Structures are given as structure tokens and as C-alpha cells.
Amino acid sequence: MQRTSLVLASLLLAFVTNANAGDTEDLIALDKKWGESTMKGDMSLTQKLLSEQVVSVTPEGVRGKKAEIAANEPAPAGARYEPTDYKVTFVNPDVAIMTHGTKGDDAHYSLHVWTRKGGQWQIAATSITPMKGAD
């Protein structure tokens, strides 16, 4: 009986790990698309990804969805979105904490809390911190 429980627990862990790996890739892809679209000033994806109750923490202060969208301006011509060092940690199958950095003129660290509802991932909280010494 103990052996059967151990085998079942191992199989369950392998299944959850594989499911999270796919979700990790999906979240990173969503984040990259989000960054690229906001660089262009296209807020249609942001509108979908930010939950209605999102909390956004920026160097300018704390704001909600409406203010987050209003604050966006297209990046200057030639600017690129270069995310680096993604880390995704799952709190449970429907909540993930993502961190990453970005390179370039607006180099910063990001933290996003993603939640899945009805099969769709949305951002419940987000924060950016400028990189110290970045130009």
C-alpha cells in the first residue's frame, strides 16, 4: 500500500510539473507580447490581460487598470523590448508569480501576479522597479 501511494504521488508530481512547464511557457509568451504591444502604444492586449481589479505599482505611484492604460505612451522610434531572466513560480495551478528584468533605455525589473479564470490568464498585480545604475 505504501509503495502504491508513493508511485501515485510521483506520477501526480510529474503531471503537475509538466502542466506548470506548459503554463510557464504560455505566461512568458503572453508577457513578451504584452511588452511588445505596449511599446507600440497598442493597448488592446493590455485591456485584455489586466484584471479589472489590478494593482499596479510604479515609481509614479499605485494605480488601477484605467490609470495604468492611460499612463501608457508609445516608446520612441527604435526602442526595443528586451526581457531577460524570467522566473515563474506557481502558488497553485491558477496563480503564478513572474519576475524578469528588461534591457534598454527603460531597464527595469518586473513582478507580475497572474491568475487564471475561465481558462484565461490575467494580471492581478504588477510592479516595476528601475534598475539601479541603468541609463
Protein backbone atom coordinates (compact mmCIF):
# COMPACT_ATOMS: atom_id res chain seq x y z
CA MET A 1 0.00 0.00 0.00
CA GLN A 2 2.78 2.41 0.91
CA ARG A 3 4.55 1.63 -2.38
CA THR A 4 1.36 2.28 -4.37
CA SER A 5 0.90 5.65 -2.64
CA LEU A 6 4.49 6.59 -3.41
CA VAL A 7 4.07 5.69 -7.09
CA LEU A 8 0.80 7.64 -7.32
CA ALA A 9 2.36 10.66 -5.61
CA SER A 10 5.31 10.54 -8.01
CA LEU A 11 3.01 10.37 -11.04
CA LEU A 12 0.91 13.25 -9.75
CA LEU A 13 4.01 15.36 -9.14
CA ALA A 14 5.27 14.62 -12.67
CA PHE A 15 1.87 15.59 -14.13
CA VAL A 16 1.71 18.87 -12.18
CA THR A 17 5.33 19.70 -13.12
CA ASN A 18 4.62 19.08 -16.82
CA ALA A 19 1.41 21.15 -16.68
CA ASN A 20 3.26 24.01 -14.97
CA ALA A 21 6.04 23.86 -17.58
CA GLY A 22 3.48 24.44 -20.35
CA ASP A 23 1.83 27.21 -18.37
CA THR A 24 5.23 28.79 -17.73
CA GLU A 25 5.91 28.94 -21.47
CA ASP A 26 2.43 30.36 -22.11
CA LEU A 27 2.87 33.08 -19.47
CA ILE A 28 6.29 34.09 -20.77
CA ALA A 29 4.90 34.29 -24.32
CA LEU A 30 1.97 36.42 -23.08
CA ASP A 31 4.32 38.72 -21.20
CA LYS A 32 6.53 39.21 -24.26
CA LYS A 33 3.51 40.01 -26.44
CA TRP A 34 2.24 42.41 -23.79
CA GLY A 35 5.57 44.25 -23.63
CA GLU A 36 5.89 44.47 -27.40
CA SER A 37 2.33 45.75 -27.85
CA THR A 38 2.69 48.43 -25.18
CA MET A 39 5.95 49.59 -26.77
CA LYS A 40 3.90 50.31 -29.89
CA GLY A 41 1.19 52.07 -27.91
CA ASP A 42 -1.33 49.31 -28.69
CA MET A 43 -3.34 48.85 -25.52
CA SER A 44 -5.77 46.21 -26.82
CA LEU A 45 -3.79 43.32 -25.29
CA THR A 46 -3.24 45.27 -22.07
CA GLN A 47 -7.00 45.81 -21.89
CA LYS A 48 -7.49 42.01 -22.01
CA LEU A 49 -4.61 41.00 -19.75
CA LEU A 50 -5.13 43.38 -16.84
CA SER A 51 -7.87 42.26 -14.48
CA GLU A 52 -10.49 44.84 -13.60
CA GLN A 53 -9.10 44.95 -10.04
CA VAL A 54 -5.41 45.05 -11.00
CA VAL A 55 -3.00 46.80 -8.66
CA SER A 56 -0.06 48.39 -10.46
CA VAL A 57 2.93 49.72 -8.50
CA THR A 58 5.27 52.03 -10.40
CA PRO A 59 7.81 54.70 -9.49
CA GLU A 60 4.97 57.20 -10.04
CA GLY A 61 2.65 55.52 -7.55
CA VAL A 62 -0.08 52.92 -7.20
CA ARG A 63 -2.82 52.79 -9.79
CA GLY A 64 -5.61 50.64 -11.15
CA LYS A 65 -6.46 49.42 -14.64
CA LYS A 66 -7.84 52.67 -16.05
CA ALA A 67 -4.88 54.73 -14.86
CA GLU A 68 -2.39 52.07 -15.99
CA ILE A 69 -3.78 52.16 -19.51
CA ALA A 70 -3.98 55.97 -19.56
CA ALA A 71 -0.34 56.28 -18.46
CA ASN A 72 1.00 54.29 -21.40
CA GLU A 73 2.77 56.12 -24.19
CA PRO A 74 4.36 54.52 -27.25
CA ALA A 75 8.11 54.03 -26.95
CA PRO A 76 10.37 56.28 -29.02
CA ALA A 77 11.20 55.04 -32.52
CA GLY A 78 13.93 52.42 -32.45
CA ALA A 79 13.32 51.40 -28.82
CA ARG A 80 13.21 47.67 -28.19
CA TYR A 81 11.60 45.49 -25.54
CA GLU A 82 14.26 43.04 -24.32
CA PRO A 83 13.03 40.95 -21.39
CA THR A 84 15.58 38.80 -19.54
CA ASP A 85 15.84 36.24 -16.76
CA TYR A 86 12.24 35.06 -16.48
CA LYS A 87 11.30 33.18 -13.33
CA VAL A 88 7.79 31.82 -12.83
CA THR A 89 6.64 30.32 -9.53
CA PHE A 90 3.23 28.70 -9.19
CA VAL A 91 1.38 29.27 -5.93
CA ASN A 92 -1.25 26.84 -7.20
CA PRO A 93 -2.29 25.75 -10.72
CA ASP A 94 -4.19 29.03 -11.28
CA VAL A 95 -1.87 31.59 -9.63
CA ALA A 96 1.67 32.34 -10.75
CA ILE A 97 4.25 34.90 -9.71
CA MET A 98 6.53 36.05 -12.53
CA THR A 99 9.69 38.11 -12.28
CA HIS A 100 12.02 39.30 -15.02
CA GLY A 101 14.28 42.13 -16.00
CA THR A 102 14.44 44.22 -19.15
CA LYS A 103 17.33 45.78 -21.02
CA GLY A 104 17.41 49.06 -22.88
CA ASP A 105 16.53 52.67 -22.24
CA ASP A 106 13.77 51.72 -19.78
CA ALA A 107 15.71 48.96 -17.99
CA HIS A 108 13.71 47.70 -15.04
CA TYR A 109 12.69 44.69 -13.00
CA SER A 110 9.10 43.47 -13.23
CA LEU A 111 6.94 41.43 -10.92
CA HIS A 112 3.54 40.19 -12.09
CA VAL A 113 0.93 38.09 -10.32
CA TRP A 114 -1.01 36.10 -12.90
CA THR A 115 -4.36 34.45 -12.16
CA ARG A 116 -6.31 32.07 -14.38
CA LYS A 117 -10.08 32.37 -14.50
CA GLY A 118 -12.24 30.59 -17.03
CA GLY A 119 -9.11 29.26 -18.71
CA GLN A 120 -7.71 32.76 -19.35
CA TRP A 121 -4.64 34.24 -17.69
CA GLN A 122 -4.89 37.79 -16.36
CA ILE A 123 -2.62 40.04 -14.34
CA ALA A 124 -3.91 40.73 -10.83
CA ALA A 125 -0.89 42.75 -9.70
CA THR A 126 2.17 44.21 -11.38
CA SER A 127 5.14 46.23 -10.24
CA ILE A 128 8.18 47.73 -11.92
CA THR A 129 11.40 48.86 -10.30
CA PRO A 130 14.01 50.78 -12.29
CA MET A 131 17.39 49.06 -12.42
CA LYS A 132 19.96 50.84 -10.30
CA GLY A 133 22.58 52.47 -12.49
CA ALA A 134 20.65 51.83 -15.73
CA ASP A 135 20.67 54.65 -18.23
